[in-house]
N, C-alpha and C. Protein backbone atom coordinates (compact mmCIF):
# COMPACT_ATOMS: atom_id res chain seq x y z
N UNK A 1 6.46 -3.99 -10.96
CA UNK A 1 7.39 -4.79 -10.18
C UNK A 1 7.21 -6.25 -10.56
N UNK A 2 8.30 -6.91 -10.78
CA UNK A 2 8.24 -8.34 -11.06
C UNK A 2 8.42 -9.12 -9.78
N UNK A 3 7.75 -10.25 -9.72
CA UNK A 3 7.84 -11.09 -8.53
C UNK A 3 8.03 -12.53 -8.97
N UNK A 4 8.66 -13.32 -8.11
CA UNK A 4 8.85 -14.72 -8.40
C UNK A 4 7.54 -15.48 -8.30
N UNK A 5 7.37 -16.49 -9.17
CA UNK A 5 6.14 -17.26 -9.19
C UNK A 5 6.50 -18.72 -9.47
N UNK A 6 5.69 -19.61 -8.95
CA UNK A 6 5.89 -21.03 -9.22
C UNK A 6 6.94 -21.64 -8.30
N UNK A 7 7.31 -22.90 -8.58
CA UNK A 7 8.29 -23.59 -7.75
C UNK A 7 9.64 -22.86 -7.73
N UNK A 8 10.07 -22.49 -6.55
CA UNK A 8 11.35 -21.81 -6.41
C UNK A 8 11.35 -20.37 -6.89
N UNK A 9 10.22 -19.86 -7.33
CA UNK A 9 10.15 -18.47 -7.81
C UNK A 9 10.89 -18.24 -9.10
N UNK A 10 11.04 -19.29 -9.92
CA UNK A 10 11.82 -19.19 -11.15
C UNK A 10 11.12 -18.31 -12.19
N UNK A 11 9.82 -18.50 -12.36
CA UNK A 11 9.07 -17.72 -13.33
C UNK A 11 8.82 -16.32 -12.77
N UNK A 12 8.93 -15.30 -13.61
CA UNK A 12 8.70 -13.92 -13.19
C UNK A 12 7.40 -13.42 -13.77
N UNK A 13 6.58 -12.78 -12.91
CA UNK A 13 5.31 -12.21 -13.34
C UNK A 13 5.21 -10.77 -12.85
N UNK A 14 4.47 -9.97 -13.62
CA UNK A 14 4.24 -8.57 -13.24
C UNK A 14 2.89 -8.45 -12.56
N UNK A 15 2.80 -7.62 -11.53
CA UNK A 15 1.56 -7.45 -10.79
C UNK A 15 1.30 -8.65 -9.89
N UNK A 16 0.09 -8.74 -9.40
CA UNK A 16 -0.31 -9.86 -8.55
C UNK A 16 -1.60 -10.45 -9.11
N UNK A 17 -2.09 -11.47 -8.48
CA UNK A 17 -3.34 -12.09 -8.92
C UNK A 17 -4.49 -11.08 -8.91
N UNK A 18 -4.49 -10.18 -7.94
CA UNK A 18 -5.61 -9.27 -7.76
C UNK A 18 -5.37 -7.85 -8.27
N UNK A 19 -4.10 -7.43 -8.38
CA UNK A 19 -3.80 -6.06 -8.78
C UNK A 19 -2.91 -6.05 -10.02
N UNK A 20 -3.22 -5.14 -10.95
CA UNK A 20 -2.44 -4.97 -12.16
C UNK A 20 -1.08 -4.37 -11.81
N UNK A 21 -0.09 -4.54 -12.69
CA UNK A 21 1.22 -3.92 -12.43
C UNK A 21 1.07 -2.40 -12.32
N UNK A 22 1.69 -1.82 -11.33
CA UNK A 22 1.65 -0.38 -11.13
C UNK A 22 0.39 0.15 -10.47
N UNK A 23 -0.50 -0.73 -10.03
CA UNK A 23 -1.74 -0.28 -9.39
C UNK A 23 -1.42 0.42 -8.08
N UNK A 24 -2.17 1.48 -7.79
CA UNK A 24 -2.01 2.18 -6.52
C UNK A 24 -2.89 1.48 -5.50
N UNK A 25 -2.29 1.09 -4.39
CA UNK A 25 -3.03 0.48 -3.30
C UNK A 25 -2.76 1.28 -2.03
N UNK A 26 -3.72 1.29 -1.15
CA UNK A 26 -3.60 1.99 0.12
C UNK A 26 -3.50 0.97 1.23
N UNK A 27 -2.45 1.07 2.04
CA UNK A 27 -2.29 0.17 3.18
C UNK A 27 -3.20 0.67 4.29
N UNK A 28 -4.13 -0.18 4.72
CA UNK A 28 -5.08 0.22 5.75
C UNK A 28 -4.81 -0.47 7.08
N UNK A 29 -3.98 -1.50 7.08
CA UNK A 29 -3.63 -2.19 8.31
C UNK A 29 -2.40 -3.05 8.03
N UNK A 30 -1.70 -3.42 9.09
CA UNK A 30 -0.52 -4.28 8.94
C UNK A 30 -0.40 -5.16 10.16
N UNK A 31 0.34 -6.24 10.00
CA UNK A 31 0.52 -7.21 11.07
C UNK A 31 2.00 -7.19 11.46
N UNK A 32 2.34 -6.57 12.57
CA UNK A 32 3.74 -6.44 12.95
C UNK A 32 4.33 -7.76 13.44
N UNK A 33 3.54 -8.74 13.76
CA UNK A 33 3.98 -10.00 14.32
C UNK A 33 5.42 -10.39 14.04
N UNK A 34 5.74 -10.75 12.84
CA UNK A 34 7.08 -11.22 12.49
C UNK A 34 7.82 -10.19 11.64
N UNK A 35 7.54 -8.92 11.81
CA UNK A 35 8.26 -7.89 11.07
C UNK A 35 7.42 -7.20 10.02
N UNK A 36 6.13 -7.33 10.09
CA UNK A 36 5.26 -6.62 9.16
C UNK A 36 5.22 -7.23 7.78
N UNK A 37 5.35 -8.55 7.67
CA UNK A 37 5.36 -9.17 6.36
C UNK A 37 4.02 -9.09 5.65
N UNK A 38 2.90 -9.08 6.39
CA UNK A 38 1.57 -9.03 5.80
C UNK A 38 0.94 -7.66 6.04
N UNK A 39 0.34 -7.12 5.00
CA UNK A 39 -0.36 -5.85 5.11
C UNK A 39 -1.75 -6.01 4.49
N UNK A 40 -2.70 -5.24 4.98
CA UNK A 40 -4.03 -5.22 4.40
C UNK A 40 -4.11 -3.98 3.53
N UNK A 41 -4.47 -4.17 2.27
CA UNK A 41 -4.51 -3.06 1.32
C UNK A 41 -5.89 -2.94 0.70
N UNK A 42 -6.19 -1.73 0.23
CA UNK A 42 -7.40 -1.47 -0.53
C UNK A 42 -6.95 -0.91 -1.87
N UNK A 43 -7.49 -1.46 -2.93
CA UNK A 43 -7.16 -1.00 -4.27
C UNK A 43 -8.16 -1.53 -5.27
N UNK A 44 -8.03 -1.10 -6.51
CA UNK A 44 -8.95 -1.55 -7.56
C UNK A 44 -8.48 -2.88 -8.12
N UNK A 45 -9.41 -3.84 -8.17
CA UNK A 45 -9.12 -5.18 -8.69
C UNK A 45 -8.75 -5.09 -10.17
N UNK A 46 -7.83 -5.94 -10.60
CA UNK A 46 -7.32 -5.86 -11.97
C UNK A 46 -8.36 -6.22 -13.01
N UNK A 47 -9.38 -7.00 -12.70
CA UNK A 47 -10.39 -7.38 -13.70
C UNK A 47 -11.70 -6.63 -13.51
N UNK A 48 -12.24 -6.61 -12.30
CA UNK A 48 -13.55 -5.99 -12.08
C UNK A 48 -13.45 -4.47 -11.93
N UNK A 49 -12.26 -3.97 -11.60
CA UNK A 49 -12.02 -2.54 -11.37
C UNK A 49 -12.80 -2.00 -10.16
N UNK A 50 -13.34 -2.90 -9.36
CA UNK A 50 -13.99 -2.50 -8.11
C UNK A 50 -12.94 -2.47 -7.00
N UNK A 51 -13.19 -1.65 -5.98
CA UNK A 51 -12.29 -1.64 -4.84
C UNK A 51 -12.41 -2.96 -4.10
N UNK A 52 -11.27 -3.51 -3.71
CA UNK A 52 -11.24 -4.71 -2.88
C UNK A 52 -10.31 -4.45 -1.71
N UNK A 53 -10.53 -5.20 -0.66
CA UNK A 53 -9.67 -5.15 0.54
C UNK A 53 -9.10 -6.55 0.70
N UNK A 54 -7.77 -6.65 0.78
CA UNK A 54 -7.14 -7.96 0.80
C UNK A 54 -5.83 -7.89 1.61
N UNK A 55 -5.51 -8.99 2.28
CA UNK A 55 -4.22 -9.11 2.97
C UNK A 55 -3.24 -9.71 1.98
N UNK A 56 -2.05 -9.12 1.91
CA UNK A 56 -1.04 -9.61 0.97
C UNK A 56 0.35 -9.38 1.53
N UNK A 57 1.36 -10.08 1.00
CA UNK A 57 2.72 -9.87 1.48
C UNK A 57 3.22 -8.46 1.15
N UNK A 58 3.85 -7.82 2.11
CA UNK A 58 4.38 -6.47 1.89
C UNK A 58 5.47 -6.46 0.83
N UNK A 59 6.13 -7.60 0.62
CA UNK A 59 7.21 -7.64 -0.37
C UNK A 59 6.71 -7.44 -1.80
N UNK A 60 5.40 -7.58 -2.03
CA UNK A 60 4.85 -7.37 -3.37
C UNK A 60 4.54 -5.90 -3.64
N UNK A 61 4.77 -5.04 -2.66
CA UNK A 61 4.49 -3.61 -2.82
C UNK A 61 5.80 -2.85 -3.02
N UNK A 62 5.72 -1.74 -3.75
CA UNK A 62 6.89 -0.91 -4.00
C UNK A 62 6.52 0.56 -3.80
N UNK A 63 7.53 1.39 -3.65
CA UNK A 63 7.36 2.84 -3.54
C UNK A 63 6.46 3.25 -2.38
N UNK A 64 6.81 2.82 -1.19
CA UNK A 64 6.06 3.17 0.01
C UNK A 64 6.16 4.67 0.25
N UNK A 65 5.00 5.33 0.39
CA UNK A 65 4.99 6.75 0.73
C UNK A 65 3.63 7.13 1.29
N UNK A 66 3.60 8.22 1.99
CA UNK A 66 2.34 8.74 2.53
C UNK A 66 1.70 9.61 1.46
N UNK A 67 0.42 9.40 1.24
CA UNK A 67 -0.30 10.18 0.23
C UNK A 67 -1.76 10.31 0.65
N UNK A 68 -2.37 11.42 0.31
CA UNK A 68 -3.77 11.63 0.65
C UNK A 68 -4.67 10.68 -0.13
N UNK A 69 -5.72 10.24 0.51
CA UNK A 69 -6.74 9.42 -0.14
C UNK A 69 -7.99 10.28 -0.30
N UNK A 70 -8.57 10.26 -1.50
CA UNK A 70 -9.75 11.07 -1.77
C UNK A 70 -11.01 10.23 -1.93
N UNK A 71 -10.87 8.95 -2.24
CA UNK A 71 -12.02 8.09 -2.46
C UNK A 71 -12.77 7.87 -1.15
N UNK A 72 -14.07 8.10 -1.13
CA UNK A 72 -14.85 7.86 0.09
C UNK A 72 -14.74 6.41 0.57
N UNK A 73 -14.68 5.46 -0.36
CA UNK A 73 -14.57 4.06 0.03
C UNK A 73 -13.24 3.80 0.75
N UNK A 74 -12.15 4.31 0.19
CA UNK A 74 -10.83 4.12 0.81
C UNK A 74 -10.78 4.79 2.17
N UNK A 75 -11.30 5.99 2.28
CA UNK A 75 -11.31 6.71 3.56
C UNK A 75 -12.09 5.93 4.61
N UNK A 76 -13.24 5.38 4.23
CA UNK A 76 -14.04 4.58 5.16
C UNK A 76 -13.28 3.34 5.62
N UNK A 77 -12.58 2.68 4.69
CA UNK A 77 -11.81 1.49 5.05
C UNK A 77 -10.68 1.84 6.02
N UNK A 78 -10.04 2.98 5.81
CA UNK A 78 -8.96 3.41 6.70
C UNK A 78 -9.51 3.68 8.10
N UNK A 79 -10.62 4.38 8.17
CA UNK A 79 -11.22 4.72 9.47
C UNK A 79 -11.68 3.48 10.23
N UNK A 80 -12.12 2.45 9.53
CA UNK A 80 -12.61 1.23 10.17
C UNK A 80 -11.51 0.24 10.49
N UNK A 81 -10.28 0.53 10.09
CA UNK A 81 -9.19 -0.44 10.25
C UNK A 81 -8.45 -0.24 11.57
N UNK A 82 -7.40 -1.01 11.74
CA UNK A 82 -6.60 -1.04 12.96
C UNK A 82 -5.97 0.27 13.35
N UNK A 83 -4.66 0.35 13.28
CA UNK A 83 -3.93 1.50 13.80
C UNK A 83 -4.28 2.80 13.07
N UNK A 84 -4.42 2.76 11.76
CA UNK A 84 -4.68 3.99 11.02
C UNK A 84 -6.01 4.59 11.40
N UNK A 85 -6.98 3.77 11.74
CA UNK A 85 -8.28 4.27 12.15
C UNK A 85 -8.24 4.95 13.50
N UNK A 86 -7.20 4.66 14.30
CA UNK A 86 -7.09 5.23 15.64
C UNK A 86 -6.31 6.55 15.65
N UNK A 87 -5.65 6.86 14.54
CA UNK A 87 -4.91 8.11 14.47
C UNK A 87 -5.91 9.26 14.49
N UNK A 88 -5.57 10.28 15.22
CA UNK A 88 -6.50 11.41 15.32
C UNK A 88 -6.73 12.05 13.95
N UNK A 89 -7.77 12.81 13.85
CA UNK A 89 -8.16 13.41 12.58
C UNK A 89 -7.25 14.58 12.19
N UNK A 90 -6.33 14.95 13.05
CA UNK A 90 -5.40 16.04 12.73
C UNK A 90 -4.54 15.62 11.55
N UNK A 91 -4.60 16.33 10.42
CA UNK A 91 -3.85 15.93 9.23
C UNK A 91 -2.35 15.84 9.45
N UNK A 92 -1.79 16.76 10.23
CA UNK A 92 -0.34 16.75 10.45
C UNK A 92 0.09 15.49 11.21
N UNK A 93 -0.65 15.11 12.24
CA UNK A 93 -0.33 13.92 13.02
C UNK A 93 -0.49 12.67 12.18
N UNK A 94 -1.57 12.58 11.42
CA UNK A 94 -1.82 11.42 10.58
C UNK A 94 -0.74 11.28 9.51
N UNK A 95 -0.38 12.39 8.89
CA UNK A 95 0.65 12.37 7.84
C UNK A 95 2.00 11.94 8.42
N UNK A 96 2.35 12.48 9.58
CA UNK A 96 3.62 12.15 10.22
C UNK A 96 3.68 10.66 10.55
N UNK A 97 2.60 10.09 11.06
CA UNK A 97 2.59 8.66 11.40
C UNK A 97 2.66 7.79 10.15
N UNK A 98 1.95 8.18 9.09
CA UNK A 98 2.00 7.43 7.83
C UNK A 98 3.41 7.47 7.24
N UNK A 99 4.07 8.62 7.32
CA UNK A 99 5.44 8.73 6.82
C UNK A 99 6.40 7.87 7.64
N UNK A 100 6.19 7.79 8.96
CA UNK A 100 7.02 6.94 9.81
C UNK A 100 6.89 5.47 9.40
N UNK A 101 5.65 5.04 9.15
CA UNK A 101 5.43 3.64 8.76
C UNK A 101 6.07 3.35 7.41
N UNK A 102 5.89 4.26 6.45
CA UNK A 102 6.49 4.07 5.12
C UNK A 102 8.01 4.03 5.23
N UNK A 103 8.59 4.93 6.04
CA UNK A 103 10.04 4.95 6.22
C UNK A 103 10.53 3.65 6.86
N UNK A 104 9.74 3.10 7.77
CA UNK A 104 10.11 1.83 8.41
C UNK A 104 10.20 0.69 7.40
N UNK A 105 9.25 0.63 6.47
CA UNK A 105 9.29 -0.41 5.45
C UNK A 105 10.46 -0.19 4.49
N UNK A 106 10.74 1.07 4.15
CA UNK A 106 11.86 1.37 3.26
C UNK A 106 13.17 0.98 3.92
N UNK A 107 13.32 1.27 5.22
CA UNK A 107 14.53 0.89 5.96
C UNK A 107 14.74 -0.62 5.98
N UNK A 108 13.64 -1.37 5.96
CA UNK A 108 13.74 -2.84 5.97
C UNK A 108 13.93 -3.42 4.58
N UNK A 109 14.15 -2.56 3.58
CA UNK A 109 14.47 -3.05 2.24
C UNK A 109 13.30 -3.14 1.29
N UNK A 110 12.22 -2.39 1.51
CA UNK A 110 11.09 -2.40 0.59
C UNK A 110 11.55 -1.96 -0.80
N UNK A 111 10.99 -2.57 -1.82
CA UNK A 111 11.37 -2.29 -3.19
C UNK A 111 10.97 -0.88 -3.59
N UNK A 112 11.83 -0.23 -4.36
CA UNK A 112 11.49 1.06 -4.94
C UNK A 112 11.69 0.95 -6.45
N UNK A 113 10.93 1.71 -7.18
CA UNK A 113 11.06 1.75 -8.63
C UNK A 113 10.64 3.13 -9.09
N UNK A 114 11.04 3.53 -10.29
CA UNK A 114 10.67 4.87 -10.75
C UNK A 114 9.15 5.03 -10.83
N UNK A 115 8.68 6.19 -10.44
CA UNK A 115 7.25 6.49 -10.54
C UNK A 115 7.08 7.97 -10.80
N UNK A 116 5.94 8.33 -11.34
CA UNK A 116 5.64 9.72 -11.64
C UNK A 116 4.54 10.17 -10.72
N UNK A 117 4.72 11.30 -10.10
CA UNK A 117 3.69 11.87 -9.26
C UNK A 117 3.13 13.11 -9.94
N UNK A 118 1.95 13.49 -9.55
CA UNK A 118 1.35 14.69 -10.11
C UNK A 118 2.09 15.91 -9.58
N UNK A 119 2.28 16.93 -10.43
CA UNK A 119 2.93 18.16 -9.96
C UNK A 119 2.03 18.86 -8.94
N UNK A 120 2.62 19.63 -8.03
CA UNK A 120 1.79 20.31 -7.03
C UNK A 120 0.84 21.31 -7.70
N UNK A 121 -0.34 21.42 -7.16
CA UNK A 121 -1.34 22.35 -7.70
C UNK A 121 -0.91 23.78 -7.36
N UNK A 122 -0.99 24.64 -8.34
CA UNK A 122 -0.67 26.06 -8.10
C UNK A 122 -1.86 26.73 -7.47
N UNK A 123 -1.66 27.22 -6.24
CA UNK A 123 -2.75 27.76 -5.46
C UNK A 123 -3.23 29.04 -5.92
C-alpha cells in the first residue's frame, strides 16, 4: 500500500517507518474516540525482524480480516490488551467479534488490495 509522505502528502512511499510493505500485523487494541483512527498493532519490525507493539493510524492498514494468530508473543499481547483481551476464550465468539470489528473498518472505507491466503488444510 502506498501512503502520502512529506508536506501535503505529495511524495508516495510503500510501507511505514516500522513495517515493510505487505507486512502482516495483528490489531490488538483500538481507540474508538474519534472513529477508530488509531490502532495498536503487533508485527515484525522491518529492520530488526523482532515483534514490536506500536500505535499507528488505521488508514495505513489494508485488507482487514479476522485470522488466527499462532505466535505465542502475539497471543500474549492480545490477551494483555484492551477489548480483545476481554473476549472469552470461546473461539466462535472471539472470531465473530473480530469479524465485526474488521467489517466495521471496511464499511468506513478501509483500503483493500489483492492478497494471497494459504489454501485450507485438507483434514
